[in-house]
């Protein structure tokens, strides 16, 4: 097996990348439980929260990126929250072909309730971690995101040459 041939750093990196996925899934599952307490599905709560975080006028592509889903998939999600009266679509003033997303009063209330529930959850989750550790973790994750994007660009340009 290849894993036994890996040197220490490669084993640690393999373990770390597996842990990132496991941790993200566990966090999302626990946070989804919080949204269920409000009678919302994750499919309705998270888009509303992300539009709230991005600010009124967010474009669907930015919401898709924040949710970690494909832009083509976000259309159905947005349709649902519009039907529920949580979000409204408006023509973008700078590009009439594009739509911008705005929280309604009910959507703002929903986003605020979910965010308020997430604050103590995140504080409990990160209890005992120093501010320095949290900042180092953020720097590391941001660096990983940048590296992933760079590798994807390089891979895309290599395959199109």
Protein backbone atom coordinates (compact mmCIF):
# COMPACT_ATOMS: atom_id res chain seq x y z
CA UNK A 1 0.00 0.00 0.00
CA UNK A 2 1.20 3.44 -0.90
CA UNK A 3 0.32 4.92 2.51
CA UNK A 4 3.06 2.85 4.12
CA UNK A 5 5.60 4.18 1.62
CA UNK A 6 4.75 7.81 2.34
CA UNK A 7 7.13 9.83 4.39
CA UNK A 8 5.93 11.54 7.56
CA UNK A 9 4.90 14.86 5.97
CA UNK A 10 2.88 13.13 3.23
CA UNK A 11 1.05 11.02 5.84
CA UNK A 12 0.33 14.15 7.87
CA UNK A 13 -0.94 16.02 4.81
CA UNK A 14 -3.18 13.07 3.87
CA UNK A 15 -4.55 12.99 7.41
CA UNK A 16 -5.04 16.76 7.43
CA UNK A 17 -6.94 16.84 4.14
CA UNK A 18 -9.20 14.01 5.33
CA UNK A 19 -9.78 15.88 8.60
CA UNK A 20 -10.76 19.05 6.73
CA UNK A 21 -13.56 17.21 4.95
CA UNK A 22 -14.74 15.39 8.08
CA UNK A 23 -14.69 18.59 10.12
CA UNK A 24 -16.60 20.56 7.47
CA UNK A 25 -19.29 17.85 7.27
CA UNK A 26 -19.58 17.63 11.07
CA UNK A 27 -19.86 21.41 11.41
CA UNK A 28 -22.49 21.62 8.68
CA UNK A 29 -24.50 18.80 10.23
CA UNK A 30 -24.46 20.42 13.68
CA UNK A 31 -25.27 23.86 12.26
CA UNK A 32 -28.09 22.35 10.17
CA UNK A 33 -29.61 21.05 13.41
CA UNK A 34 -29.80 24.65 14.62
CA UNK A 35 -31.71 25.72 11.51
CA UNK A 36 -34.15 22.84 11.96
CA UNK A 37 -35.06 24.31 15.36
CA UNK A 38 -36.51 27.27 13.44
CA UNK A 39 -38.59 25.04 11.19
CA UNK A 40 -36.31 25.75 8.25
CA UNK A 41 -34.58 23.27 6.02
CA UNK A 42 -30.91 23.72 5.27
CA UNK A 43 -31.94 24.40 1.67
CA UNK A 44 -33.86 27.49 2.78
CA UNK A 45 -31.91 28.71 5.79
CA UNK A 46 -28.37 28.79 4.37
CA UNK A 47 -29.08 30.78 1.20
CA UNK A 48 -30.86 33.39 3.31
CA UNK A 49 -27.96 33.52 5.77
CA UNK A 50 -25.42 33.84 2.96
CA UNK A 51 -27.35 36.65 1.25
CA UNK A 52 -27.44 38.37 4.64
CA UNK A 53 -23.68 37.99 5.00
CA UNK A 54 -22.94 39.09 1.44
CA UNK A 55 -25.34 42.02 1.70
CA UNK A 56 -28.33 43.12 -0.31
CA UNK A 57 -27.66 43.15 -4.02
CA UNK A 58 -25.69 39.91 -3.96
CA UNK A 59 -25.52 38.09 -7.27
CA UNK A 60 -26.63 34.45 -7.49
CA UNK A 61 -23.11 33.34 -8.48
CA UNK A 62 -21.67 34.83 -5.29
CA UNK A 63 -24.36 33.06 -3.25
CA UNK A 64 -23.54 29.77 -5.01
CA UNK A 65 -19.86 30.25 -4.20
CA UNK A 66 -20.62 31.03 -0.54
CA UNK A 67 -22.81 27.92 -0.32
CA UNK A 68 -20.24 25.74 -2.06
CA UNK A 69 -22.63 24.72 -4.84
CA UNK A 70 -22.59 25.10 -8.60
CA UNK A 71 -24.11 28.30 -10.01
CA UNK A 72 -26.56 26.21 -12.05
CA UNK A 73 -27.83 24.58 -8.84
CA UNK A 74 -28.41 27.85 -7.01
CA UNK A 75 -31.29 28.81 -9.33
CA UNK A 76 -33.63 26.22 -7.78
CA UNK A 77 -32.50 27.18 -4.30
CA UNK A 78 -33.18 30.87 -4.97
CA UNK A 79 -36.55 30.02 -6.54
CA UNK A 80 -37.53 28.30 -3.29
CA UNK A 81 -36.58 31.15 -0.95
CA UNK A 82 -38.31 33.62 -3.28
CA UNK A 83 -41.48 31.45 -3.13
CA UNK A 84 -41.25 31.50 0.67
CA UNK A 85 -41.10 35.30 0.66
CA UNK A 86 -37.62 35.43 2.21
CA UNK A 87 -35.76 36.84 -0.80
CA UNK A 88 -36.65 38.95 -3.79
CA UNK A 89 -34.92 39.17 -7.15
CA UNK A 90 -34.37 42.57 -8.73
CA UNK A 91 -32.82 43.67 -11.97
CA UNK A 92 -29.25 44.73 -11.42
CA UNK A 93 -28.92 48.46 -12.08
CA UNK A 94 -25.52 48.01 -13.73
CA UNK A 95 -26.53 45.02 -15.90
CA UNK A 96 -30.20 44.59 -16.76
CA UNK A 97 -29.61 40.95 -17.76
CA UNK A 98 -28.38 40.11 -14.28
CA UNK A 99 -30.45 39.70 -11.16
CA UNK A 100 -29.51 40.83 -7.68
CA UNK A 101 -30.87 39.29 -4.51
CA UNK A 102 -32.35 41.15 -1.57
CA UNK A 103 -33.66 39.87 1.74
CA UNK A 104 -37.26 40.72 2.51
CA UNK A 105 -38.20 41.74 6.06
CA UNK A 106 -39.04 38.07 6.75
CA UNK A 107 -35.73 37.02 5.20
CA UNK A 108 -33.79 39.50 7.34
CA UNK A 109 -35.56 38.19 10.45
CA UNK A 110 -34.74 34.61 9.43
CA UNK A 111 -31.06 35.42 8.80
CA UNK A 112 -30.80 37.30 12.10
CA UNK A 113 -32.35 34.41 14.06
CA UNK A 114 -30.01 31.84 12.52
CA UNK A 115 -26.95 34.07 13.01
CA UNK A 116 -27.96 34.68 16.64
CA UNK A 117 -28.16 30.91 17.21
CA UNK A 118 -24.79 30.36 15.54
CA UNK A 119 -22.92 32.81 17.81
CA UNK A 120 -23.06 30.70 21.00
CA UNK A 121 -22.58 27.53 18.94
CA UNK A 122 -19.35 28.86 17.41
CA UNK A 123 -18.17 30.23 20.77
CA UNK A 124 -18.66 26.81 22.36
CA UNK A 125 -16.96 25.15 19.41
CA UNK A 126 -13.89 27.36 19.68
CA UNK A 127 -13.79 27.57 23.48
CA UNK A 128 -10.27 27.03 24.73
CA UNK A 129 -8.67 28.09 21.46
CA UNK A 130 -6.59 31.22 21.65
CA UNK A 131 -7.13 34.22 19.41
CA UNK A 132 -3.68 33.53 17.96
CA UNK A 133 -4.69 29.94 17.10
CA UNK A 134 -7.90 31.12 15.45
CA UNK A 135 -6.02 33.74 13.42
CA UNK A 136 -3.38 31.16 12.39
CA UNK A 137 -6.12 28.75 11.35
CA UNK A 138 -7.82 31.47 9.27
CA UNK A 139 -4.52 32.34 7.57
CA UNK A 140 -3.87 28.67 6.83
CA UNK A 141 -7.36 28.05 5.41
CA UNK A 142 -7.21 31.22 3.30
CA UNK A 143 -3.80 30.14 2.01
CA UNK A 144 -5.14 26.69 1.15
CA UNK A 145 -8.07 28.25 -0.71
CA UNK A 146 -5.70 30.45 -2.70
CA UNK A 147 -3.45 27.48 -3.50
CA UNK A 148 -6.43 25.37 -4.62
CA UNK A 149 -7.64 28.17 -6.91
CA UNK A 150 -4.14 28.63 -8.33
CA UNK A 151 -3.70 24.90 -8.98
CA UNK A 152 -7.13 24.77 -10.64
CA UNK A 153 -6.21 27.69 -12.91
CA UNK A 154 -2.89 26.07 -13.82
CA UNK A 155 -4.59 22.74 -14.46
CA UNK A 156 -7.25 24.43 -16.60
CA UNK A 157 -4.70 26.33 -18.65
CA UNK A 158 -2.58 23.19 -19.10
CA UNK A 159 -5.56 21.17 -20.35
CA UNK A 160 -6.65 23.90 -22.77
CA UNK A 161 -3.19 24.25 -24.37
